[in-house]
Amino acid sequence: MPDRLDSDEQKRLANRAIPALLLAGHAVDCSPEVFDEALYQQAVARTPHAEPTGASGA
């Protein structure tokens, strides 16, 4: 993430990227400090063909 973004914006962008990464076949393991279920679900809803499963907040 760009350093110019504050931590909340970095977190939002990271969570928005998860559905696309999963669709591309990548494994995603986000730390609990970064993973936000609500942000992830919003990203899934905006990502064509995304399923709301497969992300790990471990």
C-alpha atoms as a PDB file:
ATOM      1  CA  MET A   1       0.000   0.000   0.000  1.00  0.00           C
ATOM      2  CA  PRO A   2       1.195   3.526  -0.661  1.00  0.00           C
ATOM      3  CA  ASP A   3       2.696   5.183   2.413  1.00  0.00           C
ATOM      4  CA  ARG A   4       0.714   8.347   1.754  1.00  0.00           C
ATOM      5  CA  LEU A   5      -2.519   6.565   2.720  1.00  0.00           C
ATOM      6  CA  ASP A   6      -3.549   6.522   6.349  1.00  0.00           C
ATOM      7  CA  SER A   7      -3.995   3.168   8.090  1.00  0.00           C
ATOM      8  CA  ASP A   8      -7.788   3.134   7.670  1.00  0.00           C
ATOM      9  CA  GLU A   9      -7.489   3.689   3.913  1.00  0.00           C
ATOM     10  CA  GLN A  10      -4.803   0.991   3.656  1.00  0.00           C
ATOM     11  CA  LYS A  11      -7.098  -1.423   5.520  1.00  0.00           C
ATOM     12  CA  ARG A  12     -10.034  -0.567   3.253  1.00  0.00           C
ATOM     13  CA  LEU A  13      -7.989  -1.120   0.099  1.00  0.00           C
ATOM     14  CA  ALA A  14      -6.567  -4.402   1.374  1.00  0.00           C
ATOM     15  CA  ASN A  15     -10.038  -5.746   2.152  1.00  0.00           C
ATOM     16  CA  ARG A  16     -11.348  -4.595  -1.227  1.00  0.00           C
ATOM     17  CA  ALA A  17      -8.575  -6.567  -2.967  1.00  0.00           C
ATOM     18  CA  ILE A  18      -9.345  -9.911  -1.288  1.00  0.00           C
ATOM     19  CA  PRO A  19     -12.265 -11.044  -3.523  1.00  0.00           C
ATOM     20  CA  ALA A  20     -10.329 -10.308  -6.724  1.00  0.00           C
ATOM     21  CA  LEU A  21      -7.283 -12.151  -5.409  1.00  0.00           C
ATOM     22  CA  LEU A  22      -9.412 -15.167  -4.492  1.00  0.00           C
ATOM     23  CA  LEU A  23     -11.047 -15.173  -7.940  1.00  0.00           C
ATOM     24  CA  ALA A  24      -7.579 -15.118  -9.505  1.00  0.00           C
ATOM     25  CA  GLY A  25      -6.707 -18.279  -7.574  1.00  0.00           C
ATOM     26  CA  HIS A  26      -4.501 -16.755  -4.900  1.00  0.00           C
ATOM     27  CA  ALA A  27      -4.578 -17.869  -1.284  1.00  0.00           C
ATOM     28  CA  VAL A  28      -5.337 -14.953   1.032  1.00  0.00           C
ATOM     29  CA  ASP A  29      -4.432 -14.920   4.703  1.00  0.00           C
ATOM     30  CA  CYS A  30      -4.974 -11.526   6.287  1.00  0.00           C
ATOM     31  CA  SER A  31      -3.952 -10.686   9.819  1.00  0.00           C
ATOM     32  CA  PRO A  32      -6.865 -10.024  12.186  1.00  0.00           C
ATOM     33  CA  GLU A  33      -5.625  -6.438  12.596  1.00  0.00           C
ATOM     34  CA  VAL A  34      -6.232  -5.832   8.876  1.00  0.00           C
ATOM     35  CA  PHE A  35      -9.131  -8.131   7.980  1.00  0.00           C
ATOM     36  CA  ASP A  36     -12.557  -6.546   8.394  1.00  0.00           C
ATOM     37  CA  GLU A  37     -15.546  -8.796   7.692  1.00  0.00           C
ATOM     38  CA  ALA A  38     -17.884  -5.918   6.829  1.00  0.00           C
ATOM     39  CA  LEU A  39     -15.414  -4.350   4.376  1.00  0.00           C
ATOM     40  CA  TYR A  40     -14.773  -7.761   2.845  1.00  0.00           C
ATOM     41  CA  GLN A  41     -18.506  -8.453   2.398  1.00  0.00           C
ATOM     42  CA  GLN A  42     -18.967  -5.055   0.739  1.00  0.00           C
ATOM     43  CA  ALA A  43     -16.134  -5.873  -1.662  1.00  0.00           C
ATOM     44  CA  VAL A  44     -17.665  -9.272  -2.446  1.00  0.00           C
ATOM     45  CA  ALA A  45     -20.975  -7.601  -3.256  1.00  0.00           C
ATOM     46  CA  ARG A  46     -19.174  -5.300  -5.712  1.00  0.00           C
ATOM     47  CA  THR A  47     -17.057  -8.030  -7.350  1.00  0.00           C
ATOM     48  CA  PRO A  48     -18.633  -9.932 -10.246  1.00  0.00           C
ATOM     49  CA  HIS A  49     -18.679 -13.712  -9.715  1.00  0.00           C
ATOM     50  CA  ALA A  50     -17.297 -13.453  -6.181  1.00  0.00           C
ATOM     51  CA  GLU A  51     -18.395 -15.839  -3.472  1.00  0.00           C
ATOM     52  CA  PRO A  52     -18.475 -14.627   0.151  1.00  0.00           C
ATOM     53  CA  THR A  53     -16.216 -17.457   1.308  1.00  0.00           C
ATOM     54  CA  GLY A  54     -12.549 -18.318   1.238  1.00  0.00           C
ATOM     55  CA  ALA A  55     -10.951 -15.361   3.010  1.00  0.00           C
ATOM     56  CA  SER A  56      -9.235 -15.962   6.287  1.00  0.00           C
ATOM     57  CA  GLY A  57      -8.829 -13.431   9.034  1.00  0.00           C
ATOM     58  CA  ALA A  58      -6.307 -15.569  10.864  1.00  0.00           C
END
